[in-house]
N, C-alpha and C. Protein backbone atom coordinates (compact mmCIF):
# COMPACT_ATOMS: atom_id res chain seq x y z
N UNK A 1 18.55 -13.09 -32.24
CA UNK A 1 17.24 -12.36 -32.24
C UNK A 1 16.54 -12.64 -30.98
N UNK A 2 16.54 -13.87 -30.71
CA UNK A 2 15.67 -14.43 -29.52
C UNK A 2 16.40 -13.86 -28.15
N UNK A 3 17.74 -13.94 -28.24
CA UNK A 3 18.60 -13.38 -27.09
C UNK A 3 18.21 -11.99 -26.84
N UNK A 4 18.18 -11.23 -27.94
CA UNK A 4 17.96 -9.69 -27.81
C UNK A 4 16.66 -9.57 -27.24
N UNK A 5 15.62 -10.20 -27.71
CA UNK A 5 14.25 -10.15 -27.20
C UNK A 5 14.20 -10.43 -25.70
N UNK A 6 14.99 -11.59 -25.38
CA UNK A 6 14.98 -11.99 -23.91
C UNK A 6 15.67 -10.84 -23.09
N UNK A 7 16.73 -10.39 -23.63
CA UNK A 7 17.46 -9.35 -23.03
C UNK A 7 16.60 -8.12 -22.62
N UNK A 8 15.85 -7.70 -23.79
CA UNK A 8 15.00 -6.58 -23.66
C UNK A 8 13.81 -6.85 -22.68
N UNK A 9 13.27 -7.94 -22.68
CA UNK A 9 12.18 -8.32 -21.77
C UNK A 9 12.77 -8.49 -20.36
N UNK A 10 14.01 -8.76 -20.08
CA UNK A 10 14.51 -8.93 -18.83
C UNK A 10 14.83 -7.41 -18.35
N UNK A 11 15.24 -6.54 -19.23
CA UNK A 11 15.31 -5.06 -18.69
C UNK A 11 14.01 -4.59 -18.40
N UNK A 12 12.91 -4.82 -19.12
CA UNK A 12 11.71 -4.11 -18.88
C UNK A 12 11.17 -4.82 -17.52
N UNK A 13 11.43 -6.13 -17.36
CA UNK A 13 11.10 -6.77 -16.03
C UNK A 13 11.79 -6.02 -14.81
N UNK A 14 13.02 -5.78 -15.07
CA UNK A 14 13.83 -5.14 -13.94
C UNK A 14 13.37 -3.68 -13.67
N UNK A 15 13.06 -3.02 -14.67
CA UNK A 15 12.59 -1.66 -14.61
C UNK A 15 11.08 -1.78 -13.89
N UNK A 16 10.32 -2.63 -14.23
CA UNK A 16 9.04 -2.75 -13.64
C UNK A 16 9.23 -3.11 -12.07
N UNK A 17 10.19 -3.95 -11.80
CA UNK A 17 10.47 -4.35 -10.41
C UNK A 17 10.89 -3.21 -9.54
N UNK A 18 11.79 -2.41 -10.22
CA UNK A 18 12.33 -1.15 -9.54
C UNK A 18 11.14 -0.28 -9.17
N UNK A 19 10.24 -0.03 -10.19
CA UNK A 19 9.13 1.00 -9.84
C UNK A 19 8.19 0.35 -8.87
N UNK A 20 8.02 -1.02 -8.91
CA UNK A 20 7.16 -1.52 -7.92
C UNK A 20 7.67 -1.41 -6.58
N UNK A 21 8.91 -1.52 -6.36
CA UNK A 21 9.64 -1.46 -5.15
C UNK A 21 9.50 -0.08 -4.69
N UNK A 22 9.69 0.95 -5.45
CA UNK A 22 9.59 2.26 -5.14
C UNK A 22 8.13 2.69 -4.68
N UNK A 23 7.13 2.12 -5.40
CA UNK A 23 5.74 2.32 -5.16
C UNK A 23 5.42 1.68 -3.76
N UNK A 24 5.90 0.55 -3.40
CA UNK A 24 5.84 -0.07 -2.14
C UNK A 24 6.34 0.77 -1.01
N UNK A 25 7.60 1.18 -1.38
CA UNK A 25 8.05 2.16 -0.27
C UNK A 25 7.25 3.53 -0.05
N UNK A 26 6.67 3.90 -1.15
CA UNK A 26 5.95 5.10 -1.00
C UNK A 26 4.54 4.86 -0.21
N UNK A 27 4.06 3.70 -0.51
CA UNK A 27 2.88 3.20 0.27
C UNK A 27 3.12 3.03 1.66
N UNK A 28 4.28 2.36 2.05
CA UNK A 28 4.61 2.25 3.51
C UNK A 28 4.74 3.50 4.17
N UNK A 29 5.39 4.63 3.49
CA UNK A 29 5.47 5.77 4.15
C UNK A 29 4.31 6.48 4.28
N UNK A 30 3.25 6.37 3.36
CA UNK A 30 1.90 6.96 3.34
C UNK A 30 1.12 6.36 4.49
N UNK A 31 1.25 5.07 4.67
CA UNK A 31 0.57 4.37 5.76
C UNK A 31 0.91 4.90 7.00
N UNK A 32 2.34 5.06 7.17
CA UNK A 32 2.82 5.54 8.40
C UNK A 32 2.43 6.92 8.69
N UNK A 33 2.33 7.81 7.74
CA UNK A 33 1.78 9.31 7.91
C UNK A 33 0.32 9.26 8.30
N UNK A 34 -0.37 8.34 7.70
CA UNK A 34 -1.92 8.09 7.89
C UNK A 34 -2.11 7.71 9.37
N UNK A 35 -1.42 6.71 9.82
CA UNK A 35 -1.47 6.23 11.24
C UNK A 35 -1.13 7.33 12.21
N UNK A 36 0.00 8.10 11.90
CA UNK A 36 0.22 9.25 12.82
C UNK A 36 -0.84 10.28 12.81
N UNK A 37 -1.31 10.60 11.68
CA UNK A 37 -2.44 11.49 11.58
C UNK A 37 -3.80 11.03 12.24
N UNK A 38 -4.09 9.88 12.06
CA UNK A 38 -5.16 9.39 12.63
C UNK A 38 -5.05 9.42 14.34
N UNK A 39 -3.80 8.95 14.76
CA UNK A 39 -3.63 9.04 16.29
C UNK A 39 -3.68 10.54 16.75
N UNK A 40 -3.15 11.45 15.91
CA UNK A 40 -3.45 12.72 16.25
C UNK A 40 -4.64 13.30 16.35
N UNK A 41 -5.53 12.93 15.45
CA UNK A 41 -6.92 13.27 15.52
C UNK A 41 -7.57 12.74 16.72
N UNK A 42 -7.33 11.47 17.00
CA UNK A 42 -7.85 10.81 18.18
C UNK A 42 -7.59 11.62 19.52
N UNK A 43 -6.22 11.97 19.54
CA UNK A 43 -5.87 12.80 20.72
C UNK A 43 -6.55 14.07 20.95
N UNK A 44 -6.57 14.70 19.69
CA UNK A 44 -7.30 15.98 19.71
C UNK A 44 -8.81 15.90 19.95
N UNK A 45 -9.36 14.84 19.52
CA UNK A 45 -10.91 14.61 19.98
C UNK A 45 -11.01 14.41 21.41
N UNK A 46 -10.09 13.50 22.04
CA UNK A 46 -10.08 13.25 23.35
C UNK A 46 -9.77 14.56 24.19
N UNK A 47 -8.96 15.38 23.69
CA UNK A 47 -8.54 16.71 24.39
C UNK A 47 -9.70 17.62 24.39
N UNK A 48 -10.39 17.73 23.19
CA UNK A 48 -11.54 18.60 22.96
C UNK A 48 -12.50 18.18 24.07
N UNK A 49 -12.98 16.75 24.11
CA UNK A 49 -13.98 16.26 25.00
C UNK A 49 -13.64 16.69 26.42
N UNK A 50 -12.41 16.56 26.75
CA UNK A 50 -11.97 16.76 28.05
C UNK A 50 -12.14 18.21 28.49
N UNK A 51 -11.61 19.08 27.59
CA UNK A 51 -11.80 20.50 27.75
C UNK A 51 -13.30 20.95 27.96
N UNK A 52 -14.08 20.48 27.15
CA UNK A 52 -15.49 20.74 27.04
C UNK A 52 -16.08 20.41 28.44
N UNK A 53 -15.86 19.08 28.78
CA UNK A 53 -16.31 18.51 30.17
C UNK A 53 -15.94 19.60 31.28
N UNK A 54 -14.63 19.67 31.25
CA UNK A 54 -14.01 20.67 32.40
C UNK A 54 -14.71 22.16 32.24
N UNK A 55 -14.85 22.58 31.11
CA UNK A 55 -15.56 23.93 30.87
C UNK A 55 -16.92 23.99 31.41
N UNK A 56 -17.74 22.93 31.06
CA UNK A 56 -19.16 22.79 31.56
C UNK A 56 -19.05 22.62 33.08
N UNK A 57 -18.06 21.83 33.68
CA UNK A 57 -18.23 21.65 35.09
C UNK A 57 -17.85 22.99 35.71
N UNK A 58 -16.92 23.83 35.28
CA UNK A 58 -16.52 25.01 35.68
C UNK A 58 -17.43 26.18 35.33
N UNK A 59 -18.63 25.87 34.62
CA UNK A 59 -19.45 26.81 34.17
C UNK A 59 -18.76 27.98 33.27
N UNK A 60 -17.92 27.40 32.51
CA UNK A 60 -17.25 28.23 31.51
C UNK A 60 -17.99 28.08 30.23
N UNK A 61 -17.88 29.14 29.24
CA UNK A 61 -18.58 29.23 28.00
C UNK A 61 -17.84 28.15 27.16
N UNK A 62 -18.59 27.20 26.51
CA UNK A 62 -17.83 26.22 25.65
C UNK A 62 -18.69 26.47 24.26
N UNK A 63 -17.97 26.00 23.38
CA UNK A 63 -18.52 26.14 22.03
C UNK A 63 -19.79 25.57 21.87
N UNK A 64 -20.86 26.12 21.18
CA UNK A 64 -22.02 25.51 20.88
C UNK A 64 -22.04 24.08 20.29
N UNK A 65 -22.95 23.25 20.60
CA UNK A 65 -23.06 21.82 20.00
C UNK A 65 -22.89 21.91 18.49
N UNK A 66 -23.51 22.83 17.82
CA UNK A 66 -23.49 22.89 16.45
C UNK A 66 -22.12 23.05 15.91
N UNK A 67 -21.42 23.94 16.59
CA UNK A 67 -20.03 24.16 16.10
C UNK A 67 -19.09 22.88 16.34
N UNK A 68 -19.31 22.36 17.45
CA UNK A 68 -18.59 21.05 17.77
C UNK A 68 -18.90 19.99 16.73
N UNK A 69 -20.16 19.99 16.48
CA UNK A 69 -20.65 18.93 15.50
C UNK A 69 -20.04 19.24 14.10
N UNK A 70 -20.04 20.45 13.69
CA UNK A 70 -19.59 20.89 12.40
C UNK A 70 -18.04 20.47 12.28
N UNK A 71 -17.42 20.64 13.46
CA UNK A 71 -15.92 20.39 13.44
C UNK A 71 -15.70 18.79 13.41
N UNK A 72 -16.42 18.14 14.09
CA UNK A 72 -16.38 16.69 14.14
C UNK A 72 -16.65 16.08 12.75
N UNK A 73 -17.56 16.65 12.10
CA UNK A 73 -17.89 16.17 10.60
C UNK A 73 -16.68 16.47 9.71
N UNK A 74 -16.17 17.62 10.03
CA UNK A 74 -14.85 18.00 9.23
C UNK A 74 -13.84 17.02 9.35
N UNK A 75 -13.53 16.63 10.69
CA UNK A 75 -12.52 15.72 10.93
C UNK A 75 -12.86 14.26 10.37
N UNK A 76 -14.18 13.90 10.49
CA UNK A 76 -14.64 12.67 9.89
C UNK A 76 -14.41 12.59 8.42
N UNK A 77 -14.73 13.66 7.72
CA UNK A 77 -14.57 13.79 6.23
C UNK A 77 -12.96 13.59 5.97
N UNK A 78 -12.09 14.17 6.79
CA UNK A 78 -10.74 14.08 6.46
C UNK A 78 -10.18 12.69 6.67
N UNK A 79 -10.83 12.00 7.78
CA UNK A 79 -10.46 10.67 8.03
C UNK A 79 -10.93 9.74 6.87
N UNK A 80 -12.23 9.96 6.52
CA UNK A 80 -12.71 9.27 5.34
C UNK A 80 -11.87 9.37 4.02
N UNK A 81 -11.47 10.71 3.81
CA UNK A 81 -10.42 10.67 2.61
C UNK A 81 -9.21 9.94 2.81
N UNK A 82 -8.65 9.92 3.99
CA UNK A 82 -7.52 9.24 4.31
C UNK A 82 -7.70 7.75 4.11
N UNK A 83 -8.89 7.24 4.65
CA UNK A 83 -9.14 5.87 4.53
C UNK A 83 -9.37 5.55 2.98
N UNK A 84 -9.90 6.37 2.39
CA UNK A 84 -10.02 6.08 0.74
C UNK A 84 -8.76 6.15 -0.01
N UNK A 85 -7.81 6.90 0.47
CA UNK A 85 -6.41 6.85 -0.07
C UNK A 85 -5.85 5.66 0.19
N UNK A 86 -6.02 5.19 1.50
CA UNK A 86 -5.40 3.86 1.85
C UNK A 86 -5.99 2.68 0.90
N UNK A 87 -7.23 2.65 0.66
CA UNK A 87 -7.88 1.73 -0.18
C UNK A 87 -7.31 1.82 -1.53
N UNK A 88 -7.09 2.98 -1.95
CA UNK A 88 -6.59 3.14 -3.44
C UNK A 88 -5.13 2.52 -3.58
N UNK A 89 -4.36 2.78 -2.42
CA UNK A 89 -3.01 2.29 -2.33
C UNK A 89 -3.00 0.68 -2.20
N UNK A 90 -4.01 0.24 -1.48
CA UNK A 90 -4.01 -1.24 -1.41
C UNK A 90 -4.45 -1.75 -2.73
N UNK A 91 -5.39 -1.27 -3.42
CA UNK A 91 -5.75 -1.69 -4.78
C UNK A 91 -4.60 -1.53 -5.78
N UNK A 92 -3.73 -0.60 -5.68
CA UNK A 92 -2.57 -0.29 -6.41
C UNK A 92 -1.68 -1.54 -6.10
N UNK A 93 -1.40 -1.85 -5.03
CA UNK A 93 -0.71 -2.94 -4.63
C UNK A 93 -0.94 -4.25 -5.20
N UNK A 94 -2.32 -4.55 -5.16
CA UNK A 94 -2.86 -5.73 -5.88
C UNK A 94 -2.53 -5.72 -7.39
N UNK A 95 -2.79 -4.57 -8.00
CA UNK A 95 -2.62 -4.40 -9.51
C UNK A 95 -1.10 -4.66 -9.78
N UNK A 96 -0.13 -4.09 -8.96
CA UNK A 96 1.24 -4.31 -9.05
C UNK A 96 1.54 -5.88 -8.99
N UNK A 97 0.95 -6.36 -7.99
CA UNK A 97 1.30 -7.87 -7.71
C UNK A 97 0.84 -8.75 -9.05
N UNK A 98 -0.51 -8.39 -9.71
CA UNK A 98 -0.92 -9.00 -10.77
C UNK A 98 0.09 -8.81 -11.88
N UNK A 99 0.46 -7.67 -12.12
CA UNK A 99 1.42 -7.30 -13.10
C UNK A 99 2.81 -8.02 -12.93
N UNK A 100 3.20 -8.25 -11.66
CA UNK A 100 4.45 -9.00 -11.41
C UNK A 100 4.21 -10.52 -11.97
N UNK A 101 3.01 -10.89 -11.54
CA UNK A 101 2.67 -12.44 -11.75
C UNK A 101 2.74 -12.60 -13.31
N UNK A 102 2.09 -11.65 -14.19
CA UNK A 102 2.04 -11.70 -15.46
C UNK A 102 3.51 -11.65 -16.14
N UNK A 103 4.30 -10.75 -15.66
CA UNK A 103 5.74 -10.77 -15.99
C UNK A 103 6.47 -12.12 -15.97
N UNK A 104 6.13 -12.80 -14.54
CA UNK A 104 6.87 -13.95 -14.33
C UNK A 104 6.30 -15.06 -15.22
N UNK A 105 5.01 -15.11 -15.61
CA UNK A 105 4.26 -16.04 -16.52
C UNK A 105 4.99 -15.76 -17.83
N UNK A 106 5.08 -14.63 -18.28
CA UNK A 106 5.74 -14.33 -19.65
C UNK A 106 7.23 -14.88 -19.55
N UNK A 107 7.94 -14.73 -18.50
CA UNK A 107 9.28 -15.15 -18.49
C UNK A 107 9.39 -16.64 -18.67
N UNK A 108 8.57 -17.34 -17.89
CA UNK A 108 8.41 -18.76 -17.94
C UNK A 108 7.99 -19.20 -19.34
N UNK A 109 7.15 -18.51 -19.98
CA UNK A 109 6.74 -18.91 -21.35
C UNK A 109 8.03 -18.65 -22.27
N UNK A 110 8.57 -17.57 -22.10
CA UNK A 110 9.79 -17.29 -23.05
C UNK A 110 10.84 -18.45 -22.86
N UNK A 111 11.12 -18.79 -21.54
CA UNK A 111 12.13 -19.80 -21.43
C UNK A 111 11.65 -21.29 -21.88
N UNK A 112 10.27 -21.41 -21.87
CA UNK A 112 9.81 -22.66 -22.31
C UNK A 112 9.90 -22.80 -23.92
N UNK A 113 9.67 -21.68 -24.63
CA UNK A 113 9.82 -21.60 -26.08
C UNK A 113 11.09 -21.65 -26.54
N UNK A 114 12.11 -21.13 -25.75
CA UNK A 114 13.51 -21.13 -26.26
C UNK A 114 14.22 -22.44 -25.64
N UNK A 115 13.48 -22.95 -24.84
CA UNK A 115 14.02 -24.44 -24.38
C UNK A 115 15.19 -24.16 -23.38
N UNK A 116 15.12 -23.20 -22.76
CA UNK A 116 16.11 -22.67 -21.65
C UNK A 116 15.54 -23.02 -20.17
N UNK A 117 14.89 -23.96 -20.13
CA UNK A 117 14.05 -24.19 -18.81
C UNK A 117 15.07 -24.77 -18.05
N UNK A 118 15.58 -24.26 -16.85
CA UNK A 118 16.48 -24.90 -15.89
C UNK A 118 15.83 -26.22 -15.35
N UNK A 119 16.60 -27.33 -15.34
CA UNK A 119 16.06 -28.52 -14.80
C UNK A 119 16.84 -28.89 -13.63
N UNK A 120 16.23 -29.72 -12.80
CA UNK A 120 17.03 -30.21 -11.57
C UNK A 120 17.95 -31.34 -12.03
N UNK A 121 19.01 -31.46 -11.39
CA UNK A 121 19.88 -32.63 -11.64
C UNK A 121 19.31 -33.76 -11.30
N UNK A 122 19.25 -34.90 -11.97
CA UNK A 122 18.73 -36.19 -11.77
C UNK A 122 19.74 -37.19 -11.12
N UNK A 123 19.17 -37.91 -10.15
CA UNK A 123 20.05 -38.76 -9.47
C UNK A 123 20.38 -39.95 -10.47
N UNK A 124 21.56 -40.53 -10.31
CA UNK A 124 21.70 -41.76 -11.21
C UNK A 124 20.93 -42.93 -10.78
N UNK A 125 20.59 -43.73 -11.77
CA UNK A 125 19.69 -44.81 -11.52
C UNK A 125 20.67 -45.96 -10.97
N UNK A 126 19.94 -46.69 -9.96
CA UNK A 126 20.79 -47.70 -9.48
C UNK A 126 20.36 -49.04 -10.02
N UNK A 127 21.13 -50.02 -10.22
CA UNK A 127 20.70 -51.25 -10.86
C UNK A 127 20.61 -52.34 -9.65
N UNK A 128 19.85 -51.98 -8.64
CA UNK A 128 19.52 -52.81 -7.48
C UNK A 128 18.53 -53.66 -7.88
């Protein structure tokens, strides 16, 4: 009976570890996508500023300040949403770590209760 419980607990732990690994991989991919998008936004902002500066220098019509400000606000909101998503993923990673710690604690408790705690081999005592 205890062996069956241990076996089921080990299966649950293994499944939880697999899910955790998959979540970590998704998080890594999402972080990479976010970094790419952030860099693209920075390049676009720099390009827009450069084009506006050249346009004004060449006395060309440039979008009104209100339009540029509204567009900048939109980009900032998108960046804020991306940052919030990063924060959510970081919190989820902490939650997964906490769950992993709890599973490890439960495994230690199960081993202690069943008396299956692995012990280090002891050196023979010398009679010196």
